[in-house]
């Protein structure tokens, strides 16, 4: 407990001002100190700022927060770059390299992957963009979540155990449910006839922000629990199936992919293929193509054909494949 109090004391002089967050050593001529209530005496006692280990890493000069920042980022503190690498890895994979992500153990004597990534991160000026690029370019990030049985060992007798081993060794990409902002982003992009990014018109970006904010509020933001194991909830599924956003995404408007695909595709096969590409970024299997072709064959008029297209897009948006990163 005293270690937590010592670390908290580094923030004891921080005050919110009109100029932002500042460190105040004194207010109205009185020294600013960090105080807590003593559990035994119930009286306030002053807590001195202190670090739990290697106090020699902390400089003598600077504000308390500057001293703490220098101590955390000290060149000899492997915990710093390892924690950053583990956190970024978790954000990209949906699962930390070492779990739990917010309770990293002491560095091992033998360097591991986090040390390799952390050292590269520090050597390049703590460049987060580069760290993301390095991880995104790695083999574990580029493999599929579907385990190829051809990679199984000749002595493997239990397919389930073999799959667990592959997941543990990062030989397959971990299946993870998309975060709320990723779900809404995927829906908006799938329903749009053009790419929505920072180069889009201001109006499109503004509408996207408004929709994202409303959807995340209704869908539920996991906050600090975003990296914990989780499954969907009934309200979330109902929102996806019956919510306003899903209905707007498949509606046949001028700016939606639904109407454009129906009108411009030369055949039902092309319509089905285009729908799969915009929603799941893959082409339909033979079985899927045959089934949806049968649905389109019953449509005799353009409105009926458009309704089948809307049903197809609704099915894809509400599929497990759409809502999970794989």
Protein backbone atom coordinates (compact mmCIF):
# COMPACT_ATOMS: atom_id res chain seq x y z
CA UNK A 1 0.00 0.00 0.00
CA UNK A 2 2.81 2.43 0.81
CA UNK A 3 4.23 1.93 -2.71
CA UNK A 4 0.91 2.92 -4.27
CA UNK A 5 0.71 5.95 -2.00
CA UNK A 6 4.27 6.94 -2.89
CA UNK A 7 3.48 6.83 -6.61
CA UNK A 8 0.21 8.71 -6.14
CA UNK A 9 2.12 11.46 -4.34
CA UNK A 10 3.84 12.39 -7.61
CA UNK A 11 0.45 13.70 -8.76
CA UNK A 12 -0.33 15.44 -5.48
CA UNK A 13 0.79 18.84 -6.78
CA UNK A 14 -1.10 18.60 -10.09
CA UNK A 15 -3.87 21.16 -10.44
CA UNK A 16 -6.29 21.90 -13.27
CA UNK A 17 -6.04 25.55 -14.35
CA UNK A 18 -7.35 27.61 -17.25
CA UNK A 19 -3.99 26.97 -18.93
CA UNK A 20 -4.29 23.21 -18.49
CA UNK A 21 -2.77 20.82 -15.98
CA UNK A 22 0.02 22.40 -13.93
CA UNK A 23 2.14 21.43 -10.94
CA UNK A 24 1.71 23.76 -7.96
CA UNK A 25 4.36 23.57 -5.26
CA UNK A 26 2.43 26.04 -3.13
CA UNK A 27 -0.97 27.75 -3.06
CA UNK A 28 -1.51 31.01 -1.14
CA UNK A 29 1.93 30.62 0.42
CA UNK A 30 1.19 27.14 1.72
CA UNK A 31 3.16 24.14 0.47
CA UNK A 32 1.11 21.64 -1.54
CA UNK A 33 1.57 18.09 -0.32
CA UNK A 34 -0.20 14.80 -0.94
CA UNK A 35 -2.19 13.69 2.08
CA UNK A 36 -4.17 10.56 2.92
CA UNK A 37 -6.26 9.55 5.89
CA UNK A 38 -4.44 7.27 8.29
CA UNK A 39 -6.46 4.10 8.77
CA UNK A 40 -5.60 3.85 12.45
CA UNK A 41 -5.67 7.43 13.71
CA UNK A 42 -8.19 8.72 11.10
CA UNK A 43 -6.02 11.80 10.80
CA UNK A 44 -4.48 13.24 7.64
CA UNK A 45 -0.84 12.42 7.08
CA UNK A 46 1.59 13.65 4.42
CA UNK A 47 2.89 11.07 1.94
CA UNK A 48 6.27 11.67 0.34
CA UNK A 49 6.67 10.95 -3.36
CA UNK A 50 8.66 7.73 -3.76
CA UNK A 51 9.27 5.05 -6.37
CA UNK A 52 9.13 1.32 -5.52
CA UNK A 53 12.57 0.44 -6.91
CA UNK A 54 15.75 1.95 -8.40
CA UNK A 55 15.35 5.45 -6.90
CA UNK A 56 18.69 6.36 -8.51
CA UNK A 57 16.89 6.49 -11.88
CA UNK A 58 14.91 9.51 -10.74
CA UNK A 59 16.47 12.94 -11.44
CA UNK A 60 16.76 15.51 -8.67
CA UNK A 61 15.45 18.41 -10.77
CA UNK A 62 12.04 18.99 -12.30
CA UNK A 63 8.45 18.81 -11.13
CA UNK A 64 7.26 15.66 -9.46
CA UNK A 65 5.48 14.46 -12.57
CA UNK A 66 8.58 15.18 -14.67
CA UNK A 67 10.67 13.19 -12.20
CA UNK A 68 8.24 10.27 -12.39
CA UNK A 69 8.18 10.40 -16.19
CA UNK A 70 11.98 10.35 -16.32
CA UNK A 71 12.07 7.39 -13.92
CA UNK A 72 9.49 5.41 -15.93
CA UNK A 73 11.27 6.00 -19.25
CA UNK A 74 14.79 5.50 -17.91
CA UNK A 75 16.97 3.63 -20.47
CA UNK A 76 17.58 0.81 -17.99
CA UNK A 77 13.88 0.32 -17.23
CA UNK A 78 12.92 -2.63 -19.45
CA UNK A 79 9.44 -2.62 -17.94
CA UNK A 80 8.58 0.58 -19.82
CA UNK A 81 9.17 -0.59 -23.37
CA UNK A 82 7.87 -4.09 -22.58
CA UNK A 83 4.60 -2.66 -21.28
CA UNK A 84 4.19 -0.44 -24.35
CA UNK A 85 4.94 -3.34 -26.72
CA UNK A 86 2.53 -5.63 -24.86
CA UNK A 87 -0.24 -3.02 -24.91
CA UNK A 88 0.11 -2.26 -28.63
CA UNK A 89 0.27 -5.99 -29.37
CA UNK A 90 -2.98 -6.42 -27.44
CA UNK A 91 -4.70 -3.60 -29.33
CA UNK A 92 -3.73 -5.11 -32.69
CA UNK A 93 -4.43 -8.75 -31.84
CA UNK A 94 -7.24 -8.34 -29.34
CA UNK A 95 -5.15 -10.37 -26.91
CA UNK A 96 -1.99 -9.40 -25.07
CA UNK A 97 1.23 -11.30 -25.65
CA UNK A 98 1.45 -11.67 -21.88
CA UNK A 99 -1.80 -11.48 -19.95
CA UNK A 100 -3.23 -9.68 -18.11
CA UNK A 101 -2.14 -6.64 -20.07
CA UNK A 102 -2.31 -4.30 -17.07
CA UNK A 103 -0.33 -6.53 -14.70
CA UNK A 104 2.90 -7.35 -16.51
CA UNK A 105 5.35 -9.53 -14.59
CA UNK A 106 8.98 -8.57 -13.94
CA UNK A 107 11.18 -8.91 -17.04
CA UNK A 108 12.66 -12.40 -17.50
CA UNK A 109 16.40 -12.97 -17.45
CA UNK A 110 16.31 -14.24 -21.04
CA UNK A 111 15.01 -11.61 -23.51
CA UNK A 112 11.72 -12.51 -25.20
CA UNK A 113 9.57 -11.03 -27.98
CA UNK A 114 8.53 -8.04 -25.87
CA UNK A 115 12.19 -7.18 -25.33
CA UNK A 116 12.84 -7.33 -29.07
CA UNK A 117 9.88 -5.07 -29.85
CA UNK A 118 10.62 -2.81 -26.89
CA UNK A 119 14.25 -2.35 -27.80
CA UNK A 120 13.32 -1.42 -31.38
CA UNK A 121 10.68 0.97 -30.00
CA UNK A 122 13.22 2.76 -27.79
CA UNK A 123 15.99 2.80 -30.40
CA UNK A 124 13.68 4.63 -32.80
CA UNK A 125 12.72 7.41 -30.42
CA UNK A 126 9.71 5.65 -28.89
CA UNK A 127 7.90 5.91 -32.23
CA UNK A 128 4.47 4.29 -31.82
CA UNK A 129 3.81 4.40 -35.56
CA UNK A 130 6.90 2.33 -36.22
CA UNK A 131 5.99 -0.15 -33.47
CA UNK A 132 2.56 -0.64 -35.06
CA UNK A 133 4.15 -1.12 -38.48
CA UNK A 134 6.62 -3.68 -37.13
CA UNK A 135 3.87 -5.73 -35.46
CA UNK A 136 1.52 -5.42 -38.44
CA UNK A 137 4.29 -6.69 -40.72
CA UNK A 138 4.94 -9.76 -38.59
CA UNK A 139 3.91 -13.28 -39.60
CA UNK A 140 1.56 -13.80 -36.59
CA UNK A 141 -0.42 -10.70 -37.57
CA UNK A 142 -0.80 -11.82 -41.19
CA UNK A 143 -1.87 -15.43 -40.64
CA UNK A 144 -5.49 -16.54 -40.80
CA UNK A 145 -7.58 -17.50 -37.80
CA UNK A 146 -8.41 -20.74 -39.61
CA UNK A 147 -5.92 -23.44 -38.69
CA UNK A 148 -4.50 -25.30 -41.66
CA UNK A 149 -4.41 -28.97 -40.72
CA UNK A 150 -1.48 -29.44 -43.09
CA UNK A 151 0.65 -27.73 -40.44
CA UNK A 152 -0.29 -30.27 -37.77
CA UNK A 153 2.40 -32.57 -36.47
CA UNK A 154 2.38 -36.14 -37.71
CA UNK A 155 1.83 -37.44 -34.16
CA UNK A 156 -1.10 -35.12 -33.40
CA UNK A 157 -4.07 -37.19 -32.22
CA UNK A 158 -6.31 -34.48 -30.73
CA UNK A 159 -7.27 -31.76 -33.27
CA UNK A 160 -8.66 -29.53 -30.50
CA UNK A 161 -5.42 -29.72 -28.53
CA UNK A 162 -3.45 -29.03 -31.70
CA UNK A 163 -5.55 -25.93 -32.36
CA UNK A 164 -5.02 -24.72 -28.78
CA UNK A 165 -1.29 -25.17 -29.20
CA UNK A 166 -1.39 -23.18 -32.44
CA UNK A 167 -3.30 -20.36 -30.74
CA UNK A 168 -0.92 -20.37 -27.78
CA UNK A 169 2.09 -20.14 -30.09
CA UNK A 170 0.47 -17.46 -32.30
CA UNK A 171 0.38 -19.77 -35.31
CA UNK A 172 -3.21 -18.62 -35.94
CA UNK A 173 -4.76 -15.19 -35.58
CA UNK A 174 -6.87 -14.99 -32.41
CA UNK A 175 -10.60 -14.64 -32.96
CA UNK A 176 -11.80 -11.54 -31.13
CA UNK A 177 -15.05 -9.61 -31.17
CA UNK A 178 -14.78 -6.15 -32.71
CA UNK A 179 -14.91 -3.15 -30.41
CA UNK A 180 -18.02 -0.92 -30.72
CA UNK A 181 -16.24 1.76 -32.76
CA UNK A 182 -14.93 -0.95 -35.09
CA UNK A 183 -18.42 -2.40 -35.56
CA UNK A 184 -19.95 0.93 -36.51
CA UNK A 185 -16.98 1.79 -38.71
CA UNK A 186 -17.38 -1.51 -40.57
CA UNK A 187 -21.11 -0.96 -41.07
CA UNK A 188 -20.64 2.57 -42.39
CA UNK A 189 -17.86 1.53 -44.77
CA UNK A 190 -19.75 -1.52 -46.03
CA UNK A 191 -22.78 0.58 -46.86
CA UNK A 192 -20.81 3.37 -48.53
CA UNK A 193 -19.93 3.55 -52.24
CA UNK A 194 -16.64 5.29 -51.48
CA UNK A 195 -13.84 5.00 -48.96
CA UNK A 196 -14.45 6.87 -45.70
CA UNK A 197 -11.16 8.13 -44.25
CA UNK A 198 -9.36 11.33 -43.29
CA UNK A 199 -9.40 12.41 -46.94
CA UNK A 200 -13.20 12.26 -47.20
CA UNK A 201 -15.27 15.42 -47.40
CA UNK A 202 -15.89 17.18 -44.11
CA UNK A 203 -19.64 16.46 -44.32
CA UNK A 204 -19.08 12.70 -44.61
CA UNK A 205 -16.59 12.70 -41.73
CA UNK A 206 -18.95 14.75 -39.55
CA UNK A 207 -21.88 12.43 -40.23
CA UNK A 208 -19.64 9.43 -39.50
CA UNK A 209 -18.58 10.92 -36.15
CA UNK A 210 -22.20 11.62 -35.15
CA UNK A 211 -23.29 8.10 -36.08
CA UNK A 212 -20.35 6.53 -34.29
CA UNK A 213 -21.04 8.47 -31.10
CA UNK A 214 -24.73 7.51 -31.08
CA UNK A 215 -24.03 3.86 -31.86
CA UNK A 216 -21.29 3.43 -29.24
CA UNK A 217 -23.57 4.98 -26.62
CA UNK A 218 -26.36 2.49 -27.41
CA UNK A 219 -24.12 -0.50 -28.12
CA UNK A 220 -22.04 -0.02 -24.98
CA UNK A 221 -18.40 0.99 -24.61
CA UNK A 222 -16.23 -1.55 -22.78
CA UNK A 223 -13.72 1.09 -21.75
CA UNK A 224 -10.83 -0.35 -19.75
CA UNK A 225 -12.31 -3.86 -20.13
CA UNK A 226 -11.97 -3.88 -23.91
CA UNK A 227 -9.18 -6.47 -23.81
CA UNK A 228 -10.95 -8.87 -21.48
CA UNK A 229 -12.62 -12.01 -22.81
CA UNK A 230 -16.10 -11.05 -23.85
CA UNK A 231 -19.10 -12.14 -25.84
CA UNK A 232 -21.99 -10.21 -27.29
CA UNK A 233 -25.04 -9.30 -25.24
CA UNK A 234 -28.70 -9.66 -26.18
CA UNK A 235 -29.24 -5.85 -26.38
CA UNK A 236 -26.23 -5.59 -28.71
CA UNK A 237 -27.62 -8.28 -31.02
CA UNK A 238 -31.05 -6.64 -31.03
CA UNK A 239 -29.46 -3.29 -31.87
CA UNK A 240 -27.64 -4.86 -34.81
CA UNK A 241 -30.73 -6.68 -36.08
CA UNK A 242 -33.42 -4.07 -35.48
CA UNK A 243 -31.55 -0.81 -34.89
CA UNK A 244 -31.89 2.33 -36.94
CA UNK A 245 -28.31 2.22 -38.19
CA UNK A 246 -28.60 -1.26 -39.71
CA UNK A 247 -31.82 -0.25 -41.46
CA UNK A 248 -30.19 2.89 -42.85
CA UNK A 249 -27.12 0.94 -43.99
CA UNK A 250 -29.11 -1.38 -46.27
CA UNK A 251 -31.69 1.17 -47.41
CA UNK A 252 -31.72 1.79 -51.22
CA UNK A 253 -30.55 5.42 -51.18
CA UNK A 254 -28.38 7.20 -53.75
CA UNK A 255 -25.27 7.11 -51.56
CA UNK A 256 -25.66 3.52 -50.31
CA UNK A 257 -24.00 0.47 -51.80
CA UNK A 258 -27.28 -1.44 -51.67
CA UNK A 259 -29.00 0.43 -54.51
CA UNK A 260 -25.82 0.82 -56.57
CA UNK A 261 -25.01 -2.89 -56.53
CA UNK A 262 -28.57 -3.83 -57.46
CA UNK A 263 -28.70 -1.36 -60.34
CA UNK A 264 -25.21 -1.72 -61.80
CA UNK A 265 -24.41 -5.43 -61.42
CA UNK A 266 -25.05 -7.31 -64.67
CA UNK A 267 -26.15 -10.56 -63.06
CA UNK A 268 -27.34 -12.01 -59.78
CA UNK A 269 -23.98 -13.72 -59.36
CA UNK A 270 -22.21 -10.35 -59.57
CA UNK A 271 -24.65 -8.85 -57.06
CA UNK A 272 -23.98 -11.61 -54.56
CA UNK A 273 -20.23 -11.43 -55.08
CA UNK A 274 -20.19 -7.63 -54.67
CA UNK A 275 -22.22 -7.85 -51.46
CA UNK A 276 -19.78 -10.36 -49.97
CA UNK A 277 -16.79 -8.29 -51.00
CA UNK A 278 -18.06 -5.04 -49.44
CA UNK A 279 -19.18 -6.74 -46.20
CA UNK A 280 -16.77 -9.63 -45.62
CA UNK A 281 -13.95 -8.76 -48.07
CA UNK A 282 -14.16 -12.23 -49.61
CA UNK A 283 -16.09 -13.93 -52.37
CA UNK A 284 -18.98 -16.25 -51.50
CA UNK A 285 -18.48 -19.99 -51.39
CA UNK A 286 -20.21 -22.15 -53.98
CA UNK A 287 -22.86 -23.12 -51.45
CA UNK A 288 -23.53 -19.49 -50.50
CA UNK A 289 -23.66 -18.44 -54.15
CA UNK A 290 -26.18 -21.16 -54.99
CA UNK A 291 -28.42 -20.37 -52.02
CA UNK A 292 -28.65 -16.62 -52.61
CA UNK A 293 -28.99 -17.13 -56.38
CA UNK A 294 -32.12 -19.10 -55.56
CA UNK A 295 -33.44 -16.13 -53.60
CA UNK A 296 -32.79 -13.74 -56.49
CA UNK A 297 -34.42 -16.13 -58.98
CA UNK A 298 -37.76 -15.67 -57.21
CA UNK A 299 -37.59 -11.88 -57.66
CA UNK A 300 -39.46 -10.88 -60.82
CA UNK A 301 -39.44 -7.09 -60.47
CA UNK A 302 -36.79 -4.49 -59.60
CA UNK A 303 -38.36 -3.71 -56.19
CA UNK A 304 -38.37 -7.43 -55.37
CA UNK A 305 -34.75 -7.75 -56.48
CA UNK A 306 -33.83 -4.77 -54.32
CA UNK A 307 -35.55 -6.38 -51.34
CA UNK A 308 -33.49 -9.55 -51.79
CA UNK A 309 -30.33 -7.42 -51.90
CA UNK A 310 -31.32 -5.69 -48.65
CA UNK A 311 -31.98 -9.08 -47.02
CA UNK A 312 -28.58 -10.31 -48.23
CA UNK A 313 -26.73 -7.29 -46.82
CA UNK A 314 -28.68 -7.53 -43.55
CA UNK A 315 -27.67 -11.18 -43.21
CA UNK A 316 -24.00 -10.41 -43.85
CA UNK A 317 -23.88 -7.44 -41.46
CA UNK A 318 -25.44 -9.55 -38.71
CA UNK A 319 -23.21 -12.55 -39.32
CA UNK A 320 -20.61 -13.68 -36.80
CA UNK A 321 -17.95 -13.32 -39.47
CA UNK A 322 -18.74 -9.60 -39.82
CA UNK A 323 -18.61 -8.84 -36.09
CA UNK A 324 -15.40 -10.72 -35.29
CA UNK A 325 -11.83 -9.94 -36.27
CA UNK A 326 -10.23 -12.94 -37.93
